[in-house]
PDB file of N, CA and C in Angstrom:
ATOM      1  N   MET A   1      43.209  12.306   8.922  1.00  0.00           N
ATOM      2  CA  MET A   1      42.792  10.925   8.974  1.00  0.00           C
ATOM      3  C   MET A   1      41.759  10.695  10.070  1.00  0.00           C
ATOM      4  N   LYS A   2      41.976  11.349  11.232  1.00  0.00           N
ATOM      5  CA  LYS A   2      41.011  11.205  12.329  1.00  0.00           C
ATOM      6  C   LYS A   2      39.666  11.793  11.939  1.00  0.00           C
ATOM      7  N   THR A   3      39.678  12.877  11.216  1.00  0.00           N
ATOM      8  CA  THR A   3      38.435  13.509  10.774  1.00  0.00           C
ATOM      9  C   THR A   3      37.666  12.595   9.838  1.00  0.00           C
ATOM     10  N   LEU A   4      38.341  11.964   8.920  1.00  0.00           N
ATOM     11  CA  LEU A   4      37.702  11.043   7.989  1.00  0.00           C
ATOM     12  C   LEU A   4      37.095   9.857   8.734  1.00  0.00           C
ATOM     13  N   LYS A   5      37.824   9.325   9.703  1.00  0.00           N
ATOM     14  CA  LYS A   5      37.333   8.203  10.506  1.00  0.00           C
ATOM     15  C   LYS A   5      36.080   8.630  11.277  1.00  0.00           C
ATOM     16  N   PHE A   6      36.091   9.824  11.846  1.00  0.00           N
ATOM     17  CA  PHE A   6      34.946  10.344  12.583  1.00  0.00           C
ATOM     18  C   PHE A   6      33.724  10.500  11.674  1.00  0.00           C
ATOM     19  N   ILE A   7      33.936  11.022  10.477  1.00  0.00           N
ATOM     20  CA  ILE A   7      32.834  11.222   9.521  1.00  0.00           C
ATOM     21  C   ILE A   7      32.233   9.885   9.107  1.00  0.00           C
ATOM     22  N   VAL A   8      33.060   8.898   8.847  1.00  0.00           N
ATOM     23  CA  VAL A   8      32.571   7.566   8.452  1.00  0.00           C
ATOM     24  C   VAL A   8      31.756   6.940   9.587  1.00  0.00           C
ATOM     25  N   ILE A   9      32.238   7.020  10.806  1.00  0.00           N
ATOM     26  CA  ILE A   9      31.516   6.461  11.966  1.00  0.00           C
ATOM     27  C   ILE A   9      30.192   7.199  12.167  1.00  0.00           C
ATOM     28  N   ALA A  10      30.214   8.512  12.046  1.00  0.00           N
ATOM     29  CA  ALA A  10      28.986   9.291  12.190  1.00  0.00           C
ATOM     30  C   ALA A  10      27.973   8.917  11.109  1.00  0.00           C
ATOM     31  N   PHE A  11      28.413   8.767   9.882  1.00  0.00           N
ATOM     32  CA  PHE A  11      27.540   8.398   8.770  1.00  0.00           C
ATOM     33  C   PHE A  11      26.902   7.021   8.993  1.00  0.00           C
ATOM     34  N   ILE A  12      27.701   6.056   9.418  1.00  0.00           N
ATOM     35  CA  ILE A  12      27.183   4.702   9.681  1.00  0.00           C
ATOM     36  C   ILE A  12      26.172   4.741  10.828  1.00  0.00           C
ATOM     37  N   THR A  13      26.459   5.501  11.855  1.00  0.00           N
ATOM     38  CA  THR A  13      25.538   5.630  12.987  1.00  0.00           C
ATOM     39  C   THR A  13      24.206   6.230  12.541  1.00  0.00           C
ATOM     40  N   ILE A  14      24.249   7.258  11.738  1.00  0.00           N
ATOM     41  CA  ILE A  14      23.019   7.895  11.247  1.00  0.00           C
ATOM     42  C   ILE A  14      22.201   6.920  10.414  1.00  0.00           C
ATOM     43  N   LEU A  15      22.854   6.171   9.550  1.00  0.00           N
ATOM     44  CA  LEU A  15      22.146   5.168   8.744  1.00  0.00           C
ATOM     45  C   LEU A  15      21.481   4.120   9.627  1.00  0.00           C
ATOM     46  N   PHE A  16      22.189   3.640  10.626  1.00  0.00           N
ATOM     47  CA  PHE A  16      21.662   2.612  11.522  1.00  0.00           C
ATOM     48  C   PHE A  16      20.449   3.128  12.290  1.00  0.00           C
ATOM     49  N   VAL A  17      20.548   4.307  12.851  1.00  0.00           N
ATOM     50  CA  VAL A  17      19.461   4.890  13.634  1.00  0.00           C
ATOM     51  C   VAL A  17      18.241   5.155  12.756  1.00  0.00           C
ATOM     52  N   SER A  18      18.430   5.710  11.574  1.00  0.00           N
ATOM     53  CA  SER A  18      17.292   6.016  10.706  1.00  0.00           C
ATOM     54  C   SER A  18      16.613   4.742  10.222  1.00  0.00           C
ATOM     55  N   ASN A  19      17.364   3.691   9.946  1.00  0.00           N
ATOM     56  CA  ASN A  19      16.795   2.419   9.526  1.00  0.00           C
ATOM     57  C   ASN A  19      15.975   1.804  10.659  1.00  0.00           C
ATOM     58  N   SER A  20      16.482   1.848  11.877  1.00  0.00           N
ATOM     59  CA  SER A  20      15.758   1.315  13.031  1.00  0.00           C
ATOM     60  C   SER A  20      14.466   2.093  13.253  1.00  0.00           C
ATOM     61  N   TYR A  21      14.527   3.403  13.136  1.00  0.00           N
ATOM     62  CA  TYR A  21      13.338   4.237  13.309  1.00  0.00           C
ATOM     63  C   TYR A  21      12.288   3.917  12.261  1.00  0.00           C
ATOM     64  N   ALA A  22      12.692   3.738  11.030  1.00  0.00           N
ATOM     65  CA  ALA A  22      11.749   3.427   9.951  1.00  0.00           C
ATOM     66  C   ALA A  22      11.043   2.108  10.199  1.00  0.00           C
ATOM     67  N   GLN A  23      11.752   1.105  10.680  1.00  0.00           N
ATOM     68  CA  GLN A  23      11.144  -0.186  10.959  1.00  0.00           C
ATOM     69  C   GLN A  23      10.175  -0.075  12.125  1.00  0.00           C
ATOM     70  N   THR A  24      10.529   0.647  13.174  1.00  0.00           N
ATOM     71  CA  THR A  24       9.658   0.827  14.321  1.00  0.00           C
ATOM     72  C   THR A  24       8.396   1.579  13.923  1.00  0.00           C
ATOM     73  N   THR A  25       8.525   2.626  13.148  1.00  0.00           N
ATOM     74  CA  THR A  25       7.387   3.416  12.710  1.00  0.00           C
ATOM     75  C   THR A  25       6.455   2.592  11.834  1.00  0.00           C
ATOM     76  N   ALA A  26       6.982   1.777  10.965  1.00  0.00           N
ATOM     77  CA  ALA A  26       6.159   0.955  10.083  1.00  0.00           C
ATOM     78  C   ALA A  26       5.306  -0.013  10.884  1.00  0.00           C
ATOM     79  N   LYS A  27       5.850  -0.587  11.936  1.00  0.00           N
ATOM     80  CA  LYS A  27       5.096  -1.530  12.759  1.00  0.00           C
ATOM     81  C   LYS A  27       3.976  -0.833  13.518  1.00  0.00           C
ATOM     82  N   THR A  28       4.209   0.372  14.014  1.00  0.00           N
ATOM     83  CA  THR A  28       3.213   1.040  14.828  1.00  0.00           C
ATOM     84  C   THR A  28       2.142   1.734  13.997  1.00  0.00           C
ATOM     85  N   THR A  29       2.411   2.062  12.758  1.00  0.00           N
ATOM     86  CA  THR A  29       1.429   2.787  11.963  1.00  0.00           C
ATOM     87  C   THR A  29       0.606   1.884  11.052  1.00  0.00           C
ATOM     88  N   ALA A  30       0.926   0.613  10.977  1.00  0.00           N
ATOM     89  CA  ALA A  30       0.204  -0.304  10.094  1.00  0.00           C
ATOM     90  C   ALA A  30      -1.052  -0.803  10.796  1.00  0.00           C
ATOM     91  N   SER A  31      -2.027   0.071  10.955  1.00  0.00           N
ATOM     92  CA  SER A  31      -3.253  -0.330  11.635  1.00  0.00           C
ATOM     93  C   SER A  31      -4.367  -0.593  10.633  1.00  0.00           C
ATOM     94  N   LYS A  32      -5.316  -1.393  11.072  1.00  0.00           N
ATOM     95  CA  LYS A  32      -6.454  -1.766  10.242  1.00  0.00           C
ATOM     96  C   LYS A  32      -7.714  -1.497  11.050  1.00  0.00           C
ATOM     97  N   THR A  33      -8.749  -1.008  10.389  1.00  0.00           N
ATOM     98  CA  THR A  33     -10.037  -0.796  11.033  1.00  0.00           C
ATOM     99  C   THR A  33     -11.016  -1.810  10.469  1.00  0.00           C
ATOM    100  N   GLU A  34     -11.753  -2.445  11.370  1.00  0.00           N
ATOM    101  CA  GLU A  34     -12.684  -3.497  10.973  1.00  0.00           C
ATOM    102  C   GLU A  34     -13.927  -3.425  11.851  1.00  0.00           C
ATOM    103  N   SER A  35     -15.080  -3.735  11.267  1.00  0.00           N
ATOM    104  CA  SER A  35     -16.327  -3.806  12.027  1.00  0.00           C
ATOM    105  C   SER A  35     -16.801  -5.253  12.066  1.00  0.00           C
ATOM    106  N   ILE A  36     -17.169  -5.699  13.265  1.00  0.00           N
ATOM    107  CA  ILE A  36     -17.564  -7.090  13.477  1.00  0.00           C
ATOM    108  C   ILE A  36     -18.863  -7.120  14.268  1.00  0.00           C
ATOM    109  N   LYS A  37     -19.792  -7.971  13.849  1.00  0.00           N
ATOM    110  CA  LYS A  37     -21.056  -8.136  14.567  1.00  0.00           C
ATOM    111  C   LYS A  37     -20.795  -8.945  15.832  1.00  0.00           C
ATOM    112  N   ILE A  38     -21.169  -8.370  16.984  1.00  0.00           N
ATOM    113  CA  ILE A  38     -21.019  -9.027  18.281  1.00  0.00           C
ATOM    114  C   ILE A  38     -22.372  -8.915  18.995  1.00  0.00           C
ATOM    115  N   TYR A  39     -22.876 -10.023  19.488  1.00  0.00           N
ATOM    116  CA  TYR A  39     -24.195 -10.029  20.121  1.00  0.00           C
ATOM    117  C   TYR A  39     -24.100  -9.692  21.598  1.00  0.00           C
ATOM    118  N   GLY A  40     -25.004  -8.815  22.030  1.00  0.00           N
ATOM    119  CA  GLY A  40     -25.096  -8.370  23.409  1.00  0.00           C
ATOM    120  C   GLY A  40     -26.279  -7.429  23.517  1.00  0.00           C
ATOM    121  N   ASN A  41     -26.545  -6.934  24.737  1.00  0.00           N
ATOM    122  CA  ASN A  41     -27.742  -6.115  24.932  1.00  0.00           C
ATOM    123  C   ASN A  41     -27.544  -4.787  25.655  1.00  0.00           C
ATOM    124  N   CYS A  42     -26.619  -4.729  26.586  1.00  0.00           N
ATOM    125  CA  CYS A  42     -26.636  -3.587  27.504  1.00  0.00           C
ATOM    126  C   CYS A  42     -25.246  -2.990  27.725  1.00  0.00           C
ATOM    127  N   GLY A  43     -25.189  -2.063  28.655  1.00  0.00           N
ATOM    128  CA  GLY A  43     -23.926  -1.409  28.993  1.00  0.00           C
ATOM    129  C   GLY A  43     -22.916  -2.365  29.596  1.00  0.00           C
ATOM    130  N   MET A  44     -23.390  -3.344  30.372  1.00  0.00           N
ATOM    131  CA  MET A  44     -22.462  -4.339  30.925  1.00  0.00           C
ATOM    132  C   MET A  44     -21.853  -5.170  29.798  1.00  0.00           C
ATOM    133  N   CYS A  45     -22.659  -5.485  28.791  1.00  0.00           N
ATOM    134  CA  CYS A  45     -22.146  -6.211  27.618  1.00  0.00           C
ATOM    135  C   CYS A  45     -21.068  -5.372  26.934  1.00  0.00           C
ATOM    136  N   LYS A  46     -21.345  -4.090  26.769  1.00  0.00           N
ATOM    137  CA  LYS A  46     -20.397  -3.180  26.120  1.00  0.00           C
ATOM    138  C   LYS A  46     -19.055  -3.211  26.851  1.00  0.00           C
ATOM    139  N   ASP A  47     -19.099  -3.078  28.180  1.00  0.00           N
ATOM    140  CA  ASP A  47     -17.866  -3.088  28.973  1.00  0.00           C
ATOM    141  C   ASP A  47     -17.118  -4.412  28.818  1.00  0.00           C
ATOM    142  N   ARG A  48     -17.848  -5.520  28.874  1.00  0.00           N
ATOM    143  CA  ARG A  48     -17.245  -6.849  28.790  1.00  0.00           C
ATOM    144  C   ARG A  48     -16.633  -7.094  27.408  1.00  0.00           C
ATOM    145  N   ILE A  49     -17.373  -6.730  26.355  1.00  0.00           N
ATOM    146  CA  ILE A  49     -16.907  -6.928  24.976  1.00  0.00           C
ATOM    147  C   ILE A  49     -15.659  -6.089  24.703  1.00  0.00           C
ATOM    148  N   GLU A  50     -15.720  -4.825  25.056  1.00  0.00           N
ATOM    149  CA  GLU A  50     -14.581  -3.934  24.803  1.00  0.00           C
ATOM    150  C   GLU A  50     -13.355  -4.342  25.605  1.00  0.00           C
ATOM    151  N   ALA A  51     -13.547  -4.780  26.852  1.00  0.00           N
ATOM    152  CA  ALA A  51     -12.413  -5.224  27.667  1.00  0.00           C
ATOM    153  C   ALA A  51     -11.777  -6.474  27.071  1.00  0.00           C
ATOM    154  N   ALA A  52     -12.601  -7.404  26.598  1.00  0.00           N
ATOM    155  CA  ALA A  52     -12.077  -8.639  26.001  1.00  0.00           C
ATOM    156  C   ALA A  52     -11.338  -8.350  24.701  1.00  0.00           C
ATOM    157  N   ALA A  53     -11.788  -7.334  23.969  1.00  0.00           N
ATOM    158  CA  ALA A  53     -11.184  -7.003  22.674  1.00  0.00           C
ATOM    159  C   ALA A  53      -9.857  -6.264  22.809  1.00  0.00           C
ATOM    160  N   LYS A  54      -9.621  -5.646  23.935  1.00  0.00           N
ATOM    161  CA  LYS A  54      -8.413  -4.833  24.098  1.00  0.00           C
ATOM    162  C   LYS A  54      -7.225  -5.699  24.500  1.00  0.00           C
ATOM    163  N   VAL A  55      -6.722  -6.411  23.522  1.00  0.00           N
ATOM    164  CA  VAL A  55      -5.523  -7.237  23.692  1.00  0.00           C
ATOM    165  C   VAL A  55      -4.350  -6.506  23.044  1.00  0.00           C
ATOM    166  N   ALA A  56      -3.158  -7.052  23.207  1.00  0.00           N
ATOM    167  CA  ALA A  56      -1.969  -6.434  22.598  1.00  0.00           C
ATOM    168  C   ALA A  56      -2.179  -6.300  21.093  1.00  0.00           C
ATOM    169  N   GLY A  57      -1.934  -5.120  20.568  1.00  0.00           N
ATOM    170  CA  GLY A  57      -2.106  -4.861  19.146  1.00  0.00           C
ATOM    171  C   GLY A  57      -3.386  -4.125  18.815  1.00  0.00           C
ATOM    172  N   VAL A  58      -4.325  -4.055  19.766  1.00  0.00           N
ATOM    173  CA  VAL A  58      -5.588  -3.340  19.551  1.00  0.00           C
ATOM    174  C   VAL A  58      -5.447  -1.946  20.142  1.00  0.00           C
ATOM    175  N   THR A  59      -5.674  -0.927  19.315  1.00  0.00           N
ATOM    176  CA  THR A  59      -5.552   0.444  19.806  1.00  0.00           C
ATOM    177  C   THR A  59      -6.906   1.055  20.152  1.00  0.00           C
ATOM    178  N   ASN A  60      -7.991   0.494  19.583  1.00  0.00           N
ATOM    179  CA  ASN A  60      -9.322   0.992  19.903  1.00  0.00           C
ATOM    180  C   ASN A  60     -10.350  -0.106  19.668  1.00  0.00           C
ATOM    181  N   ALA A  61     -11.301  -0.216  20.594  1.00  0.00           N
ATOM    182  CA  ALA A  61     -12.410  -1.158  20.470  1.00  0.00           C
ATOM    183  C   ALA A  61     -13.655  -0.452  20.980  1.00  0.00           C
ATOM    184  N   ASP A  62     -14.635  -0.277  20.108  1.00  0.00           N
ATOM    185  CA  ASP A  62     -15.863   0.427  20.482  1.00  0.00           C
ATOM    186  C   ASP A  62     -17.067  -0.366  19.988  1.00  0.00           C
ATOM    187  N   TRP A  63     -17.890  -0.882  20.930  1.00  0.00           N
ATOM    188  CA  TRP A  63     -19.074  -1.662  20.583  1.00  0.00           C
ATOM    189  C   TRP A  63     -20.306  -0.780  20.687  1.00  0.00           C
ATOM    190  N   ASP A  64     -21.138  -0.781  19.644  1.00  0.00           N
ATOM    191  CA  ASP A  64     -22.372  -0.002  19.605  1.00  0.00           C
ATOM    192  C   ASP A  64     -23.542  -0.918  19.945  1.00  0.00           C
ATOM    193  N   LYS A  65     -24.232  -0.597  21.034  1.00  0.00           N
ATOM    194  CA  LYS A  65     -25.344  -1.415  21.525  1.00  0.00           C
ATOM    195  C   LYS A  65     -26.488  -1.514  20.520  1.00  0.00           C
ATOM    196  N   SER A  66     -26.799  -0.445  19.825  1.00  0.00           N
ATOM    197  CA  SER A  66     -27.955  -0.459  18.912  1.00  0.00           C
ATOM    198  C   SER A  66     -27.683  -1.229  17.623  1.00  0.00           C
ATOM    199  N   THR A  67     -26.474  -1.146  17.107  1.00  0.00           N
ATOM    200  CA  THR A  67     -26.157  -1.850  15.855  1.00  0.00           C
ATOM    201  C   THR A  67     -25.505  -3.211  16.086  1.00  0.00           C
ATOM    202  N   LYS A  68     -25.060  -3.449  17.330  1.00  0.00           N
ATOM    203  CA  LYS A  68     -24.359  -4.690  17.696  1.00  0.00           C
ATOM    204  C   LYS A  68     -23.027  -4.832  16.944  1.00  0.00           C
ATOM    205  N   MET A  69     -22.452  -3.710  16.536  1.00  0.00           N
ATOM    206  CA  MET A  69     -21.205  -3.724  15.771  1.00  0.00           C
ATOM    207  C   MET A  69     -20.045  -3.239  16.640  1.00  0.00           C
ATOM    208  N   LEU A  70     -18.964  -4.000  16.586  1.00  0.00           N
ATOM    209  CA  LEU A  70     -17.722  -3.631  17.252  1.00  0.00           C
ATOM    210  C   LEU A  70     -16.792  -3.052  16.201  1.00  0.00           C
ATOM    211  N   THR A  71     -16.339  -1.833  16.426  1.00  0.00           N
ATOM    212  CA  THR A  71     -15.366  -1.215  15.533  1.00  0.00           C
ATOM    213  C   THR A  71     -14.003  -1.366  16.189  1.00  0.00           C
ATOM    214  N   LEU A  72     -13.125  -2.052  15.485  1.00  0.00           N
ATOM    215  CA  LEU A  72     -11.780  -2.338  15.987  1.00  0.00           C
ATOM    216  C   LEU A  72     -10.734  -1.592  15.179  1.00  0.00           C
ATOM    217  N   VAL A  73      -9.747  -1.074  15.854  1.00  0.00           N
ATOM    218  CA  VAL A  73      -8.552  -0.548  15.203  1.00  0.00           C
ATOM    219  C   VAL A  73      -7.404  -1.351  15.804  1.00  0.00           C
ATOM    220  N   TYR A  74      -6.716  -2.095  14.946  1.00  0.00           N
ATOM    221  CA  TYR A  74      -5.664  -2.980  15.445  1.00  0.00           C
ATOM    222  C   TYR A  74      -4.544  -3.121  14.429  1.00  0.00           C
ATOM    223  N   ASN A  75      -3.438  -3.677  14.894  1.00  0.00           N
ATOM    224  CA  ASN A  75      -2.282  -3.914  14.043  1.00  0.00           C
ATOM    225  C   ASN A  75      -2.270  -5.393  13.658  1.00  0.00           C
ATOM    226  N   PRO A  76      -2.566  -5.725  12.393  1.00  0.00           N
ATOM    227  CA  PRO A  76      -2.617  -7.130  11.986  1.00  0.00           C
ATOM    228  C   PRO A  76      -1.271  -7.842  12.041  1.00  0.00           C
ATOM    229  N   ALA A  77      -0.187  -7.110  12.188  1.00  0.00           N
ATOM    230  CA  ALA A  77       1.122  -7.742  12.354  1.00  0.00           C
ATOM    231  C   ALA A  77       1.287  -8.277  13.778  1.00  0.00           C
ATOM    232  N   ILE A  78       0.467  -7.785  14.698  1.00  0.00           N
ATOM    233  CA  ILE A  78       0.562  -8.191  16.101  1.00  0.00           C
ATOM    234  C   ILE A  78      -0.559  -9.150  16.494  1.00  0.00           C
ATOM    235  N   VAL A  79      -1.781  -8.878  16.043  1.00  0.00           N
ATOM    236  CA  VAL A  79      -2.939  -9.685  16.434  1.00  0.00           C
ATOM    237  C   VAL A  79      -3.867  -9.879  15.240  1.00  0.00           C
ATOM    238  N   LYS A  80      -4.546 -11.006  15.211  1.00  0.00           N
ATOM    239  CA  LYS A  80      -5.487 -11.314  14.124  1.00  0.00           C
ATOM    240  C   LYS A  80      -6.916 -11.093  14.598  1.00  0.00           C
ATOM    241  N   SER A  81      -7.791 -10.748  13.672  1.00  0.00           N
ATOM    242  CA  SER A  81      -9.195 -10.541  13.974  1.00  0.00           C
ATOM    243  C   SER A  81      -9.808 -11.787  14.613  1.00  0.00           C
ATOM    244  N   ASP A  82      -9.456 -12.958  14.110  1.00  0.00           N
ATOM    245  CA  ASP A  82      -9.985 -14.204  14.672  1.00  0.00           C
ATOM    246  C   ASP A  82      -9.603 -14.366  16.140  1.00  0.00           C
ATOM    247  N   ASP A  83      -8.393 -13.990  16.498  1.00  0.00           N
ATOM    248  CA  ASP A  83      -7.953 -14.103  17.894  1.00  0.00           C
ATOM    249  C   ASP A  83      -8.767 -13.177  18.796  1.00  0.00           C
ATOM    250  N   ILE A  84      -9.078 -11.993  18.310  1.00  0.00           N
ATOM    251  CA  ILE A  84      -9.888 -11.047  19.076  1.00  0.00           C
ATOM    252  C   ILE A  84     -11.297 -11.605  19.244  1.00  0.00           C
ATOM    253  N   GLN A  85     -11.861 -12.145  18.164  1.00  0.00           N
ATOM    254  CA  GLN A  85     -13.210 -12.716  18.238  1.00  0.00           C
ATOM    255  C   GLN A  85     -13.268 -13.907  19.190  1.00  0.00           C
ATOM    256  N   LYS A  86     -12.218 -14.714  19.229  1.00  0.00           N
ATOM    257  CA  LYS A  86     -12.168 -15.845  20.169  1.00  0.00           C
ATOM    258  C   LYS A  86     -12.175 -15.354  21.606  1.00  0.00           C
ATOM    259  N   LYS A  87     -11.447 -14.264  21.876  1.00  0.00           N
ATOM    260  CA  LYS A  87     -11.416 -13.683  23.228  1.00  0.00           C
ATOM    261  C   LYS A  87     -12.810 -13.191  23.636  1.00  0.00           C
ATOM    262  N   ILE A  88     -13.517 -12.593  22.696  1.00  0.00           N
ATOM    263  CA  ILE A  88     -14.863 -12.092  22.980  1.00  0.00           C
ATOM    264  C   ILE A  88     -15.824 -13.251  23.217  1.00  0.00           C
ATOM    265  N   ALA A  89     -15.744 -14.293  22.402  1.00  0.00           N
ATOM    266  CA  ALA A  89     -16.582 -15.481  22.592  1.00  0.00           C
ATOM    267  C   ALA A  89     -16.278 -16.141  23.934  1.00  0.00           C
ATOM    268  N   ALA A  90     -15.034 -16.071  24.370  1.00  0.00           N
ATOM    269  CA  ALA A  90     -14.634 -16.680  25.637  1.00  0.00           C
ATOM    270  C   ALA A  90     -15.273 -16.009  26.850  1.00  0.00           C
ATOM    271  N   VAL A  91     -15.738 -14.765  26.694  1.00  0.00           N
ATOM    272  CA  VAL A  91     -16.410 -14.078  27.809  1.00  0.00           C
ATOM    273  C   VAL A  91     -17.928 -14.131  27.682  1.00  0.00           C
ATOM    274  N   GLY A  92     -18.442 -14.874  26.676  1.00  0.00           N
ATOM    275  CA  GLY A  92     -19.874 -15.117  26.598  1.00  0.00           C
ATOM    276  C   GLY A  92     -20.639 -14.449  25.487  1.00  0.00           C
ATOM    277  N   HIS A  93     -19.965 -13.837  24.529  1.00  0.00           N
ATOM    278  CA  HIS A  93     -20.661 -13.128  23.456  1.00  0.00           C
ATOM    279  C   HIS A  93     -20.360 -13.743  22.099  1.00  0.00           C
ATOM    280  N   ASP A  94     -21.425 -14.085  21.366  1.00  0.00           N
ATOM    281  CA  ASP A  94     -21.266 -14.645  20.027  1.00  0.00           C
ATOM    282  C   ASP A  94     -20.746 -13.572  19.074  1.00  0.00           C
ATOM    283  N   THR A  95     -19.893 -14.008  18.141  1.00  0.00           N
ATOM    284  CA  THR A  95     -19.378 -13.122  17.104  1.00  0.00           C
ATOM    285  C   THR A  95     -19.830 -13.671  15.760  1.00  0.00           C
ATOM    286  N   GLU A  96     -19.392 -13.030  14.689  1.00  0.00           N
ATOM    287  CA  GLU A  96     -19.728 -13.510  13.348  1.00  0.00           C
ATOM    288  C   GLU A  96     -19.196 -14.917  13.108  1.00  0.00           C
ATOM    289  N   LYS A  97     -18.036 -15.228  13.663  1.00  0.00           N
ATOM    290  CA  LYS A  97     -17.384 -16.512  13.388  1.00  0.00           C
ATOM    291  C   LYS A  97     -17.422 -17.504  14.545  1.00  0.00           C
ATOM    292  N   TYR A  98     -17.536 -17.024  15.774  1.00  0.00           N
ATOM    293  CA  TYR A  98     -17.406 -17.895  16.937  1.00  0.00           C
ATOM    294  C   TYR A  98     -18.604 -17.751  17.872  1.00  0.00           C
ATOM    295  N   LYS A  99     -19.091 -18.893  18.346  1.00  0.00           N
ATOM    296  CA  LYS A  99     -20.212 -18.912  19.281  1.00  0.00           C
ATOM    297  C   LYS A  99     -19.658 -19.124  20.686  1.00  0.00           C
ATOM    298  N   ALA A 100     -20.199 -18.382  21.631  1.00  0.00           N
ATOM    299  CA  ALA A 100     -19.758 -18.507  23.021  1.00  0.00           C
ATOM    300  C   ALA A 100     -20.170 -19.868  23.574  1.00  0.00           C
ATOM    301  N   ASP A 101     -19.350 -20.408  24.451  1.00  0.00           N
ATOM    302  CA  ASP A 101     -19.661 -21.659  25.132  1.00  0.00           C
ATOM    303  C   ASP A 101     -20.963 -21.482  25.924  1.00  0.00           C
ATOM    304  N   THR A 102     -21.842 -22.462  25.866  1.00  0.00           N
ATOM    305  CA  THR A 102     -23.161 -22.373  26.512  1.00  0.00           C
ATOM    306  C   THR A 102     -23.035 -22.149  28.016  1.00  0.00           C
ATOM    307  N   LYS A 103     -22.099 -22.812  28.659  1.00  0.00           N
ATOM    308  CA  LYS A 103     -21.917 -22.661  30.109  1.00  0.00           C
ATOM    309  C   LYS A 103     -21.529 -21.225  30.464  1.00  0.00           C
ATOM    310  N   ILE A 104     -20.626 -20.640  29.676  1.00  0.00           N
ATOM    311  CA  ILE A 104     -20.205 -19.254  29.924  1.00  0.00           C
ATOM    312  C   ILE A 104     -21.357 -18.297  29.624  1.00  0.00           C
ATOM    313  N   TYR A 105     -22.064 -18.548  28.507  1.00  0.00           N
ATOM    314  CA  TYR A 105     -23.209 -17.708  28.154  1.00  0.00           C
ATOM    315  C   TYR A 105     -24.248 -17.733  29.276  1.00  0.00           C
ATOM    316  N   ASN A 106     -24.553 -18.914  29.801  1.00  0.00           N
ATOM    317  CA  ASN A 106     -25.563 -19.046  30.863  1.00  0.00           C
ATOM    318  C   ASN A 106     -25.161 -18.342  32.145  1.00  0.00           C
ATOM    319  N   SER A 107     -23.874 -18.105  32.344  1.00  0.00           N
ATOM    320  CA  SER A 107     -23.419 -17.416  33.550  1.00  0.00           C
ATOM    321  C   SER A 107     -23.507 -15.885  33.426  1.00  0.00           C
ATOM    322  N   LEU A 108     -23.850 -15.383  32.241  1.00  0.00           N
ATOM    323  CA  LEU A 108     -24.015 -13.935  32.070  1.00  0.00           C
ATOM    324  C   LEU A 108     -25.221 -13.447  32.859  1.00  0.00           C
ATOM    325  N   PRO A 109     -25.214 -12.183  33.292  1.00  0.00           N
ATOM    326  CA  PRO A 109     -26.400 -11.618  33.941  1.00  0.00           C
ATOM    327  C   PRO A 109     -27.605 -11.676  32.990  1.00  0.00           C
ATOM    328  N   GLY A 110     -28.803 -11.706  33.545  1.00  0.00           N
ATOM    329  CA  GLY A 110     -30.025 -11.823  32.758  1.00  0.00           C
ATOM    330  C   GLY A 110     -30.163 -10.772  31.681  1.00  0.00           C
ATOM    331  N   CYS A 111     -29.765  -9.541  31.966  1.00  0.00           N
ATOM    332  CA  CYS A 111     -29.904  -8.465  30.977  1.00  0.00           C
ATOM    333  C   CYS A 111     -28.968  -8.635  29.799  1.00  0.00           C
ATOM    334  N   CYS A 112     -27.958  -9.481  29.935  1.00  0.00           N
ATOM    335  CA  CYS A 112     -26.963  -9.679  28.882  1.00  0.00           C
ATOM    336  C   CYS A 112     -27.306 -10.834  27.954  1.00  0.00           C
ATOM    337  N   LYS A 113     -28.330 -11.603  28.280  1.00  0.00           N
ATOM    338  CA  LYS A 113     -28.669 -12.787  27.489  1.00  0.00           C
ATOM    339  C   LYS A 113     -29.426 -12.359  26.230  1.00  0.00           C
ATOM    340  N   TYR A 114     -28.953 -12.789  25.096  1.00  0.00           N
ATOM    341  CA  TYR A 114     -29.481 -12.380  23.797  1.00  0.00           C
ATOM    342  C   TYR A 114     -29.998 -13.561  22.993  1.00  0.00           C
ATOM    343  N   ARG A 115     -29.758 -14.776  23.421  1.00  0.00           N
ATOM    344  CA  ARG A 115     -30.208 -15.956  22.668  1.00  0.00           C
ATOM    345  C   ARG A 115     -31.652 -16.279  23.007  1.00  0.00           C
TER     346      ARG A 115
END
């Protein structure tokens, strides 16, 4: 009887652990890659844009100065593309959907001004 009780408890424990692992893995592997046009000019812009884009849920953010394209790898269950673009606009860079506030844009260094 003790053996049967032990086997049942072990079986339930294994089911619980494997189910928890599957849910955790699904959340971490559900990533999306997206390219977004972000306006800027130089290496300082690149640093500022990438830093603003690296919020919770973003695993990679790479802005290309020549194409003005930001390549994002993120988990849409954690963060939305619009939220990332708002963060970038908040530091002075226009995106496809959001324009940076004029006061913040004007405070950028001269080499970063693109308007």
